[in-house]
Amino acid sequence: MTISVPATSANLGPGFDTLGLSLALRNKVHIQPSSFFSVSIKGEGANNPRLKGNNLFINIFNDHYRHLTGKQGVFRFKFYNRIPLSRGLGSSSAVIVSAIASAYSAAGVNITKRKLLNLALHYEHHPDNITPAVMGGFNVAVVENRRVYSQKKRIPNYLKAVLVIPDKPISTAHSRTTLPRSYRKEDAIYNLSHASLLTACFFNESWEMLRIAARDRFHQMARMKNLPELFEVQKIAIEHNALMSTLSGSGSTFFNMVYKEDAEALLKKFKERFPTFRSAVCEFDNDGVIFG
C-alpha cells in the first residue's frame, strides 16, 4: 500500500494557528508486510540517521496498528520525501497524517478523513497544518471540545505558489518563544478582521484584495527577525505582482501566491537575488491525503 500526503503552508499572515492550504509537494510511504522490520528513506532526510532510529512515523503507526489489531505487525517502510524538514511546510503534519492513515490501511480498517483529522489532533494541537494535509485546498479550522471543525475551498489551477526556501531552518518551538505573551486589543481586532477578510477572499475568489487581507500583527514580524533576508523576499514579491506574500508556518520558507502567468518572472527574481536559497514554482493541491 502507498499513502501520500501533501505539504502545507499555514498561518497565511493573520490566520495564526487557524488558516492553511495544501501544496502539490508530496511525501509518500510504501508499506508491505515482511518477515523483518526495515526502514529506507529517499529524498529529504535520507542522510539523517536519526530518522531511522527514532522515527515519529513508526511510533505513531505502531500505536494505532496495535490498537486496531491487538498485535505488533512487522513491515518494510519505504519513504519518499519531498517536503523539506523544519522549513514551515508541514513536514511534521505530513508524518502524523500518513502514519495514522497507514496504520488503518495496514489493519484493513476504513477511516474517514474527518476521523483521521481528529486523530491527528492528538499529536499536533493546532489545526492549521493538519487540516489541509488531510483535506487539501484552502482551509479555515478551529478546535472545539478537542475536535476540529473546518471548511474547505478548492484553489483554482490558474494560481501558483512561488516558494522561497532558505538554507536555514526556524524551529517552531523556538519561534513561539519570541512571540509576545499578550496582545493589545487593537492588534487582536486587526488580526481578526484581516483573517476574516482573507478567508472571504479565498471563498469568493477575490484575489486582488489578498495583499491587504494577508497583513499581520501577531507573529510574522518577530519570526522574520530570525532571518532578516525574509523582509526583502516579501518586498520583492509584492513589487513583482504577488497576490499575497507570507511566512509559511513559522518559517523559514516564504509563501507567495501569484497568477500562473506571473510565476516564472517572480521565480527568476528570487533565484537572482537569493542564489543560496531554494526557490520553486509549485501547484496547489486540492486532494489532501491519498490512500493508494
C-alpha atoms as a PDB file:
ATOM      1  CA  MET A   1       0.000   0.000   0.000  1.00  0.00           C
ATOM      2  CA  THR A   2       1.072   3.599  -0.581  1.00  0.00           C
ATOM      3  CA  ILE A   3      -0.033   6.681   1.364  1.00  0.00           C
ATOM      4  CA  SER A   4       0.636  10.168   0.011  1.00  0.00           C
ATOM      5  CA  VAL A   5       0.340  13.439   1.966  1.00  0.00           C
ATOM      6  CA  PRO A   6       0.903  16.988   0.647  1.00  0.00           C
ATOM      7  CA  ALA A   7       2.973  19.828   2.015  1.00  0.00           C
ATOM      8  CA  THR A   8       1.109  22.684   3.651  1.00  0.00           C
ATOM      9  CA  SER A   9       1.529  26.389   4.252  1.00  0.00           C
ATOM     10  CA  ALA A  10      -0.143  27.615   7.427  1.00  0.00           C
ATOM     11  CA  ASN A  11      -0.980  30.829   9.293  1.00  0.00           C
ATOM     12  CA  LEU A  12      -1.078  32.718   5.974  1.00  0.00           C
ATOM     13  CA  GLY A  13      -0.379  36.064   7.615  1.00  0.00           C
ATOM     14  CA  PRO A  14      -3.132  36.920  10.114  1.00  0.00           C
ATOM     15  CA  GLY A  15      -4.601  33.395  10.354  1.00  0.00           C
ATOM     16  CA  PHE A  16      -2.367  32.349  13.248  1.00  0.00           C
ATOM     17  CA  ASP A  17      -2.939  28.638  14.051  1.00  0.00           C
ATOM     18  CA  THR A  18      -6.167  28.742  12.007  1.00  0.00           C
ATOM     19  CA  LEU A  19      -5.666  29.116   8.239  1.00  0.00           C
ATOM     20  CA  GLY A  20      -3.742  26.789   5.947  1.00  0.00           C
ATOM     21  CA  LEU A  21      -3.559  25.471   2.410  1.00  0.00           C
ATOM     22  CA  SER A  22      -2.192  22.449   0.622  1.00  0.00           C
ATOM     23  CA  LEU A  23       0.677  22.333  -1.887  1.00  0.00           C
ATOM     24  CA  ALA A  24       1.354  19.716  -4.577  1.00  0.00           C
ATOM     25  CA  LEU A  25       4.636  18.691  -2.973  1.00  0.00           C
ATOM     26  CA  ARG A  26       4.101  15.238  -1.530  1.00  0.00           C
ATOM     27  CA  ASN A  27       5.659  12.739   0.816  1.00  0.00           C
ATOM     28  CA  LYS A  28       4.862   9.102   0.045  1.00  0.00           C
ATOM     29  CA  VAL A  29       5.312   5.979   2.115  1.00  0.00           C
ATOM     30  CA  HIS A  30       5.088   2.442   0.744  1.00  0.00           C
ATOM     31  CA  ILE A  31       4.356  -0.273   3.298  1.00  0.00           C
ATOM     32  CA  GLN A  32       4.395  -4.020   2.895  1.00  0.00           C
ATOM     33  CA  PRO A  33       4.284  -6.948   5.334  1.00  0.00           C
ATOM     34  CA  SER A  34       7.669  -8.514   5.863  1.00  0.00           C
ATOM     35  CA  SER A  35       9.478 -11.168   7.840  1.00  0.00           C
ATOM     36  CA  PHE A  36      11.749  -8.443   9.200  1.00  0.00           C
ATOM     37  CA  PHE A  37      11.428  -4.766  10.070  1.00  0.00           C
ATOM     38  CA  SER A  38      13.213  -2.253   7.824  1.00  0.00           C
ATOM     39  CA  VAL A  39      13.142   1.455   7.011  1.00  0.00           C
ATOM     40  CA  SER A  40      14.508   3.180   3.923  1.00  0.00           C
ATOM     41  CA  ILE A  41      14.333   6.898   3.170  1.00  0.00           C
ATOM     42  CA  LYS A  42      14.843   8.651  -0.141  1.00  0.00           C
ATOM     43  CA  GLY A  43      14.771  12.396  -0.687  1.00  0.00           C
ATOM     44  CA  GLU A  44      14.521  14.835   2.225  1.00  0.00           C
ATOM     45  CA  GLY A  45      16.074  13.373   5.381  1.00  0.00           C
ATOM     46  CA  ALA A  46      17.743  10.465   3.583  1.00  0.00           C
ATOM     47  CA  ASN A  47      21.110  11.347   5.136  1.00  0.00           C
ATOM     48  CA  ASN A  48      19.739  11.807   8.654  1.00  0.00           C
ATOM     49  CA  PRO A  49      20.319   8.570  10.618  1.00  0.00           C
ATOM     50  CA  ARG A  50      18.122   9.793  13.495  1.00  0.00           C
ATOM     51  CA  LEU A  51      15.041   9.484  11.277  1.00  0.00           C
ATOM     52  CA  LYS A  52      15.615   5.743  11.014  1.00  0.00           C
ATOM     53  CA  GLY A  53      16.446   5.153  14.646  1.00  0.00           C
ATOM     54  CA  ASN A  54      13.817   7.399  16.259  1.00  0.00           C
ATOM     55  CA  ASN A  55      11.136   7.711  13.640  1.00  0.00           C
ATOM     56  CA  LEU A  56       7.957   9.566  14.665  1.00  0.00           C
ATOM     57  CA  PHE A  57       6.071   7.852  11.859  1.00  0.00           C
ATOM     58  CA  ILE A  58       6.957   4.358  13.111  1.00  0.00           C
ATOM     59  CA  ASN A  59       5.979   5.192  16.692  1.00  0.00           C
ATOM     60  CA  ILE A  60       2.558   6.565  15.686  1.00  0.00           C
ATOM     61  CA  PHE A  61       1.980   3.760  13.176  1.00  0.00           C
ATOM     62  CA  ASN A  62       2.737   1.053  15.767  1.00  0.00           C
ATOM     63  CA  ASP A  63       0.473   2.638  18.397  1.00  0.00           C
ATOM     64  CA  HIS A  64      -2.513   2.734  16.054  1.00  0.00           C
ATOM     65  CA  TYR A  65      -1.850  -0.654  14.448  1.00  0.00           C
ATOM     66  CA  ARG A  66      -1.699  -2.328  17.877  1.00  0.00           C
ATOM     67  CA  HIS A  67      -4.880  -0.552  18.941  1.00  0.00           C
ATOM     68  CA  LEU A  68      -6.706  -1.706  15.795  1.00  0.00           C
ATOM     69  CA  THR A  69      -5.432  -5.288  15.607  1.00  0.00           C
ATOM     70  CA  GLY A  70      -4.210  -6.160  19.081  1.00  0.00           C
ATOM     71  CA  LYS A  71      -0.848  -7.256  17.722  1.00  0.00           C
ATOM     72  CA  GLN A  72       2.532  -5.967  16.615  1.00  0.00           C
ATOM     73  CA  GLY A  73       2.926  -6.238  12.861  1.00  0.00           C
ATOM     74  CA  VAL A  74       6.221  -6.469  11.004  1.00  0.00           C
ATOM     75  CA  PHE A  75       6.570  -4.274   7.926  1.00  0.00           C
ATOM     76  CA  ARG A  76       9.000  -2.768   5.472  1.00  0.00           C
ATOM     77  CA  PHE A  77       8.646   1.003   5.222  1.00  0.00           C
ATOM     78  CA  LYS A  78       9.922   2.909   2.196  1.00  0.00           C
ATOM     79  CA  PHE A  79       9.723   6.687   2.482  1.00  0.00           C
ATOM     80  CA  TYR A  80       9.926   9.040  -0.499  1.00  0.00           C
ATOM     81  CA  ASN A  81      10.139  12.528   0.981  1.00  0.00           C
ATOM     82  CA  ARG A  82       9.822  15.766  -0.976  1.00  0.00           C
ATOM     83  CA  ILE A  83       8.738  18.108   1.846  1.00  0.00           C
ATOM     84  CA  PRO A  84      11.745  19.975   3.304  1.00  0.00           C
ATOM     85  CA  LEU A  85      12.302  19.392   7.017  1.00  0.00           C
ATOM     86  CA  SER A  86      11.866  22.225   9.546  1.00  0.00           C
ATOM     87  CA  ARG A  87      11.109  24.809   6.889  1.00  0.00           C
ATOM     88  CA  GLY A  88       7.475  25.664   7.687  1.00  0.00           C
ATOM     89  CA  LEU A  89       5.948  23.411   5.027  1.00  0.00           C
ATOM     90  CA  GLY A  90       4.152  20.949   7.277  1.00  0.00           C
ATOM     91  CA  SER A  91       6.670  18.100   7.295  1.00  0.00           C
ATOM     92  CA  SER A  92       5.645  17.048  10.833  1.00  0.00           C
ATOM     93  CA  SER A  93       1.949  17.137   9.971  1.00  0.00           C
ATOM     94  CA  ALA A  94       2.621  15.011   6.900  1.00  0.00           C
ATOM     95  CA  VAL A  95       4.337  12.416   9.105  1.00  0.00           C
ATOM     96  CA  ILE A  96       1.463  12.354  11.604  1.00  0.00           C
ATOM     97  CA  VAL A  97      -1.285  12.119   8.992  1.00  0.00           C
ATOM     98  CA  SER A  98       0.486   9.481   6.903  1.00  0.00           C
ATOM     99  CA  ALA A  99       1.315   7.349   9.959  1.00  0.00           C
ATOM    100  CA  ILE A 100      -2.291   7.177  11.136  1.00  0.00           C
ATOM    101  CA  ALA A 101      -3.631   6.609   7.615  1.00  0.00           C
ATOM    102  CA  SER A 102      -1.055   3.866   7.034  1.00  0.00           C
ATOM    103  CA  ALA A 103      -1.937   2.064  10.257  1.00  0.00           C
ATOM    104  CA  TYR A 104      -5.601   1.940   9.313  1.00  0.00           C
ATOM    105  CA  SER A 105      -4.797   0.756   5.793  1.00  0.00           C
ATOM    106  CA  ALA A 106      -2.438  -1.939   7.078  1.00  0.00           C
ATOM    107  CA  ALA A 107      -5.097  -3.105   9.534  1.00  0.00           C
ATOM    108  CA  GLY A 108      -7.725  -3.229   6.793  1.00  0.00           C
ATOM    109  CA  VAL A 109      -9.936  -0.723   8.608  1.00  0.00           C
ATOM    110  CA  ASN A 110     -11.630   2.118   6.732  1.00  0.00           C
ATOM    111  CA  ILE A 111     -11.256   5.629   8.117  1.00  0.00           C
ATOM    112  CA  THR A 112     -12.935   8.862   7.079  1.00  0.00           C
ATOM    113  CA  LYS A 113     -10.889  11.975   6.533  1.00  0.00           C
ATOM    114  CA  ARG A 114     -12.747  13.700   9.371  1.00  0.00           C
ATOM    115  CA  LYS A 115     -11.845  10.940  11.821  1.00  0.00           C
ATOM    116  CA  LEU A 116      -8.256  10.936  10.557  1.00  0.00           C
ATOM    117  CA  LEU A 117      -8.060  14.681  11.135  1.00  0.00           C
ATOM    118  CA  ASN A 118      -9.315  14.406  14.696  1.00  0.00           C
ATOM    119  CA  LEU A 119      -6.892  11.593  15.488  1.00  0.00           C
ATOM    120  CA  ALA A 120      -4.047  13.740  14.131  1.00  0.00           C
ATOM    121  CA  LEU A 121      -5.068  16.478  16.574  1.00  0.00           C
ATOM    122  CA  HIS A 122      -3.764  14.301  19.425  1.00  0.00           C
ATOM    123  CA  TYR A 123      -0.235  14.802  18.092  1.00  0.00           C
ATOM    124  CA  GLU A 124      -0.481  18.286  16.544  1.00  0.00           C
ATOM    125  CA  HIS A 125      -2.613  20.549  18.715  1.00  0.00           C
ATOM    126  CA  HIS A 126      -3.024  23.360  16.175  1.00  0.00           C
ATOM    127  CA  PRO A 127      -5.253  22.549  13.191  1.00  0.00           C
ATOM    128  CA  ASP A 128      -3.798  24.892  10.557  1.00  0.00           C
ATOM    129  CA  ASN A 129      -1.354  22.335   9.072  1.00  0.00           C
ATOM    130  CA  ILE A 130      -3.052  19.004   9.701  1.00  0.00           C
ATOM    131  CA  THR A 131      -6.355  20.155   8.183  1.00  0.00           C
ATOM    132  CA  PRO A 132      -5.086  20.946   4.654  1.00  0.00           C
ATOM    133  CA  ALA A 133      -2.786  17.909   4.852  1.00  0.00           C
ATOM    134  CA  VAL A 134      -5.887  15.736   5.248  1.00  0.00           C
ATOM    135  CA  MET A 135      -8.444  17.699   3.241  1.00  0.00           C
ATOM    136  CA  GLY A 136      -6.453  19.539   0.551  1.00  0.00           C
ATOM    137  CA  GLY A 137      -7.244  23.046  -0.681  1.00  0.00           C
ATOM    138  CA  PHE A 138      -7.582  26.159   1.474  1.00  0.00           C
ATOM    139  CA  ASN A 139      -8.952  25.529   4.967  1.00  0.00           C
ATOM    140  CA  VAL A 140     -10.145  27.544   7.909  1.00  0.00           C
ATOM    141  CA  ALA A 141     -10.161  25.387  11.043  1.00  0.00           C
ATOM    142  CA  VAL A 142     -10.994  25.724  14.726  1.00  0.00           C
ATOM    143  CA  VAL A 143     -10.805  23.353  17.689  1.00  0.00           C
ATOM    144  CA  GLU A 144     -13.781  22.939  20.000  1.00  0.00           C
ATOM    145  CA  ASN A 145     -14.024  20.208  22.641  1.00  0.00           C
ATOM    146  CA  ARG A 146     -10.926  18.510  21.227  1.00  0.00           C
ATOM    147  CA  ARG A 147     -12.432  18.242  17.745  1.00  0.00           C
ATOM    148  CA  VAL A 148     -11.528  20.058  14.521  1.00  0.00           C
ATOM    149  CA  TYR A 149     -14.282  21.943  12.721  1.00  0.00           C
ATOM    150  CA  SER A 150     -13.259  23.198   9.302  1.00  0.00           C
ATOM    151  CA  GLN A 151     -14.370  24.490   5.924  1.00  0.00           C
ATOM    152  CA  LYS A 152     -12.541  23.871   2.658  1.00  0.00           C
ATOM    153  CA  LYS A 153     -12.269  25.830  -0.578  1.00  0.00           C
ATOM    154  CA  ARG A 154     -10.690  24.342  -3.685  1.00  0.00           C
ATOM    155  CA  ILE A 155      -7.923  26.502  -5.174  1.00  0.00           C
ATOM    156  CA  PRO A 156      -8.215  27.128  -8.939  1.00  0.00           C
ATOM    157  CA  ASN A 157      -5.405  25.998 -11.242  1.00  0.00           C
ATOM    158  CA  TYR A 158      -4.780  29.493 -12.631  1.00  0.00           C
ATOM    159  CA  LEU A 159      -2.985  30.278  -9.359  1.00  0.00           C
ATOM    160  CA  LYS A 160       0.523  29.130  -8.439  1.00  0.00           C
ATOM    161  CA  ALA A 161       2.705  29.197  -5.362  1.00  0.00           C
ATOM    162  CA  VAL A 162       6.251  30.500  -5.588  1.00  0.00           C
ATOM    163  CA  LEU A 163       8.236  29.207  -2.628  1.00  0.00           C
ATOM    164  CA  VAL A 164      11.479  30.609  -1.262  1.00  0.00           C
ATOM    165  CA  ILE A 165      13.137  28.026   0.984  1.00  0.00           C
ATOM    166  CA  PRO A 166      16.178  29.371   2.876  1.00  0.00           C
ATOM    167  CA  ASP A 167      19.138  27.188   3.736  1.00  0.00           C
ATOM    168  CA  LYS A 168      18.459  27.683   7.459  1.00  0.00           C
ATOM    169  CA  PRO A 169      15.608  26.157   9.486  1.00  0.00           C
ATOM    170  CA  ILE A 170      13.486  28.028  12.013  1.00  0.00           C
ATOM    171  CA  SER A 171      12.342  25.878  14.934  1.00  0.00           C
ATOM    172  CA  THR A 172       8.605  26.205  15.562  1.00  0.00           C
ATOM    173  CA  ALA A 173       9.096  25.683  19.291  1.00  0.00           C
ATOM    174  CA  HIS A 174      11.856  28.294  19.470  1.00  0.00           C
ATOM    175  CA  SER A 175       9.999  30.798  17.310  1.00  0.00           C
ATOM    176  CA  ARG A 176       6.986  30.660  19.623  1.00  0.00           C
ATOM    177  CA  THR A 177       9.203  31.828  22.487  1.00  0.00           C
ATOM    178  CA  THR A 178       9.887  35.047  20.548  1.00  0.00           C
ATOM    179  CA  LEU A 179       6.199  35.962  20.385  1.00  0.00           C
ATOM    180  CA  PRO A 180       4.532  38.375  22.817  1.00  0.00           C
ATOM    181  CA  ARG A 181       2.851  36.885  25.883  1.00  0.00           C
ATOM    182  CA  SER A 182      -0.120  39.216  25.381  1.00  0.00           C
ATOM    183  CA  TYR A 183      -1.522  41.431  22.625  1.00  0.00           C
ATOM    184  CA  ARG A 184      -3.201  44.819  22.622  1.00  0.00           C
ATOM    185  CA  LYS A 185      -6.922  44.793  21.884  1.00  0.00           C
ATOM    186  CA  GLU A 186      -6.281  46.883  18.766  1.00  0.00           C
ATOM    187  CA  ASP A 187      -3.878  44.279  17.389  1.00  0.00           C
ATOM    188  CA  ALA A 188      -6.293  41.451  18.172  1.00  0.00           C
ATOM    189  CA  ILE A 189      -9.052  43.256  16.283  1.00  0.00           C
ATOM    190  CA  TYR A 190      -6.648  43.963  13.420  1.00  0.00           C
ATOM    191  CA  ASN A 191      -5.784  40.282  13.031  1.00  0.00           C
ATOM    192  CA  LEU A 192      -9.348  39.088  13.495  1.00  0.00           C
ATOM    193  CA  SER A 193     -10.594  41.446  10.767  1.00  0.00           C
ATOM    194  CA  HIS A 194      -7.769  40.597   8.363  1.00  0.00           C
ATOM    195  CA  ALA A 195      -8.079  36.833   8.877  1.00  0.00           C
ATOM    196  CA  SER A 196     -11.823  37.123   8.262  1.00  0.00           C
ATOM    197  CA  LEU A 197     -11.238  39.141   5.093  1.00  0.00           C
ATOM    198  CA  LEU A 198      -8.577  36.715   3.867  1.00  0.00           C
ATOM    199  CA  THR A 199     -10.976  33.790   4.343  1.00  0.00           C
ATOM    200  CA  ALA A 200     -13.707  35.638   2.451  1.00  0.00           C
ATOM    201  CA  CYS A 201     -11.259  36.432  -0.356  1.00  0.00           C
ATOM    202  CA  PHE A 202     -10.482  32.744  -0.851  1.00  0.00           C
ATOM    203  CA  PHE A 203     -14.087  31.610  -0.782  1.00  0.00           C
ATOM    204  CA  ASN A 204     -15.210  34.425  -3.104  1.00  0.00           C
ATOM    205  CA  GLU A 205     -12.047  34.207  -5.263  1.00  0.00           C
ATOM    206  CA  SER A 206     -11.392  37.925  -4.714  1.00  0.00           C
ATOM    207  CA  TRP A 207      -7.659  37.536  -5.205  1.00  0.00           C
ATOM    208  CA  GLU A 208      -6.823  41.216  -5.742  1.00  0.00           C
ATOM    209  CA  MET A 209      -7.711  42.025  -2.122  1.00  0.00           C
ATOM    210  CA  LEU A 210      -5.344  39.469  -0.634  1.00  0.00           C
ATOM    211  CA  ARG A 211      -2.420  41.876  -0.246  1.00  0.00           C
ATOM    212  CA  ILE A 212      -4.460  43.834   2.284  1.00  0.00           C
ATOM    213  CA  ALA A 213      -6.059  40.787   3.875  1.00  0.00           C
ATOM    214  CA  ALA A 214      -2.717  38.991   4.443  1.00  0.00           C
ATOM    215  CA  ARG A 215      -1.282  41.656   6.751  1.00  0.00           C
ATOM    216  CA  ASP A 216      -0.494  40.511  10.280  1.00  0.00           C
ATOM    217  CA  ARG A 217       0.423  41.906  13.691  1.00  0.00           C
ATOM    218  CA  PHE A 218       0.672  38.705  15.731  1.00  0.00           C
ATOM    219  CA  HIS A 219       3.674  36.645  14.687  1.00  0.00           C
ATOM    220  CA  GLN A 220       5.341  37.351  11.330  1.00  0.00           C
ATOM    221  CA  MET A 221       7.491  40.328  12.282  1.00  0.00           C
ATOM    222  CA  ALA A 222       9.003  38.602  15.325  1.00  0.00           C
ATOM    223  CA  ARG A 223       9.709  35.402  13.427  1.00  0.00           C
ATOM    224  CA  MET A 224      11.148  37.079  10.342  1.00  0.00           C
ATOM    225  CA  LYS A 225      13.724  38.832  12.521  1.00  0.00           C
ATOM    226  CA  ASN A 226      15.345  35.395  12.951  1.00  0.00           C
ATOM    227  CA  LEU A 227      16.241  35.562   9.250  1.00  0.00           C
ATOM    228  CA  PRO A 228      16.229  39.231   8.127  1.00  0.00           C
ATOM    229  CA  GLU A 229      16.537  38.310   4.430  1.00  0.00           C
ATOM    230  CA  LEU A 230      12.866  37.377   4.576  1.00  0.00           C
ATOM    231  CA  PHE A 231      11.864  41.041   4.700  1.00  0.00           C
ATOM    232  CA  GLU A 232      13.471  41.503   1.304  1.00  0.00           C
ATOM    233  CA  VAL A 233      11.823  38.341  -0.022  1.00  0.00           C
ATOM    234  CA  GLN A 234       8.434  39.798   0.861  1.00  0.00           C
ATOM    235  CA  LYS A 235       9.299  43.197  -0.626  1.00  0.00           C
ATOM    236  CA  ILE A 236      10.417  41.670  -3.943  1.00  0.00           C
ATOM    237  CA  ALA A 237       7.278  39.506  -4.101  1.00  0.00           C
ATOM    238  CA  ILE A 238       4.915  42.425  -3.628  1.00  0.00           C
ATOM    239  CA  GLU A 239       6.822  44.537  -6.160  1.00  0.00           C
ATOM    240  CA  HIS A 240       6.538  41.752  -8.758  1.00  0.00           C
ATOM    241  CA  ASN A 241       2.810  41.018  -8.777  1.00  0.00           C
ATOM    242  CA  ALA A 242       2.431  38.596  -5.877  1.00  0.00           C
ATOM    243  CA  LEU A 243      -1.190  38.476  -4.756  1.00  0.00           C
ATOM    244  CA  MET A 244      -0.023  37.686  -1.230  1.00  0.00           C
ATOM    245  CA  SER A 245       3.343  37.045   0.414  1.00  0.00           C
ATOM    246  CA  THR A 246       3.503  35.479   3.877  1.00  0.00           C
ATOM    247  CA  LEU A 247       5.766  33.479   6.134  1.00  0.00           C
ATOM    248  CA  SER A 248       4.929  29.792   5.700  1.00  0.00           C
ATOM    249  CA  GLY A 249       4.061  28.432   9.116  1.00  0.00           C
ATOM    250  CA  SER A 250       6.799  29.584  11.460  1.00  0.00           C
ATOM    251  CA  GLY A 251       9.310  29.735   8.585  1.00  0.00           C
ATOM    252  CA  SER A 252      11.841  29.770   7.264  1.00  0.00           C
ATOM    253  CA  THR A 253      10.035  29.240   3.930  1.00  0.00           C
ATOM    254  CA  PHE A 254       8.223  32.194   2.416  1.00  0.00           C
ATOM    255  CA  PHE A 255       4.970  31.508   0.560  1.00  0.00           C
ATOM    256  CA  ASN A 256       3.918  33.678  -2.368  1.00  0.00           C
ATOM    257  CA  MET A 257       0.717  33.341  -4.377  1.00  0.00           C
ATOM    258  CA  VAL A 258       0.613  34.586  -7.962  1.00  0.00           C
ATOM    259  CA  TYR A 259      -1.376  34.224 -11.135  1.00  0.00           C
ATOM    260  CA  LYS A 260       0.084  31.465 -13.294  1.00  0.00           C
ATOM    261  CA  GLU A 261       1.428  33.886 -15.901  1.00  0.00           C
ATOM    262  CA  ASP A 262       3.473  35.771 -13.262  1.00  0.00           C
ATOM    263  CA  ALA A 263       5.104  32.739 -11.626  1.00  0.00           C
ATOM    264  CA  GLU A 264       8.242  32.306 -13.733  1.00  0.00           C
ATOM    265  CA  ALA A 265       9.163  36.001 -13.648  1.00  0.00           C
ATOM    266  CA  LEU A 266       8.964  36.068  -9.847  1.00  0.00           C
ATOM    267  CA  LEU A 267      10.902  32.826  -9.605  1.00  0.00           C
ATOM    268  CA  LYS A 268      13.672  34.334 -11.719  1.00  0.00           C
ATOM    269  CA  LYS A 269      13.881  37.383  -9.435  1.00  0.00           C
ATOM    270  CA  PHE A 270      14.210  35.189  -6.364  1.00  0.00           C
ATOM    271  CA  LYS A 271      16.897  32.993  -7.916  1.00  0.00           C
ATOM    272  CA  GLU A 272      18.910  36.042  -8.974  1.00  0.00           C
ATOM    273  CA  ARG A 273      18.695  37.734  -5.575  1.00  0.00           C
ATOM    274  CA  PHE A 274      18.952  34.654  -3.316  1.00  0.00           C
ATOM    275  CA  PRO A 275      21.154  32.112  -5.131  1.00  0.00           C
ATOM    276  CA  THR A 276      21.856  30.091  -1.964  1.00  0.00           C
ATOM    277  CA  PHE A 277      18.142  29.612  -1.230  1.00  0.00           C
ATOM    278  CA  ARG A 278      15.896  27.106  -2.958  1.00  0.00           C
ATOM    279  CA  SER A 279      13.149  28.756  -4.994  1.00  0.00           C
ATOM    280  CA  ALA A 280      10.440  26.862  -6.844  1.00  0.00           C
ATOM    281  CA  VAL A 281       7.057  27.201  -8.502  1.00  0.00           C
ATOM    282  CA  CYS A 282       4.522  24.812  -7.031  1.00  0.00           C
ATOM    283  CA  GLU A 283       0.971  23.822  -7.915  1.00  0.00           C
ATOM    284  CA  PHE A 284      -1.747  23.872  -5.277  1.00  0.00           C
ATOM    285  CA  ASP A 285      -3.232  20.580  -4.097  1.00  0.00           C
ATOM    286  CA  ASN A 286      -6.956  20.010  -3.646  1.00  0.00           C
ATOM    287  CA  ASP A 287      -6.910  16.320  -2.681  1.00  0.00           C
ATOM    288  CA  GLY A 288      -5.154  16.080   0.673  1.00  0.00           C
ATOM    289  CA  VAL A 289      -4.153  12.625   1.867  1.00  0.00           C
ATOM    290  CA  ILE A 290      -4.398   9.909  -0.791  1.00  0.00           C
ATOM    291  CA  PHE A 291      -4.768   6.229   0.056  1.00  0.00           C
ATOM    292  CA  GLY A 292      -3.017   4.186  -2.643  1.00  0.00           C
END
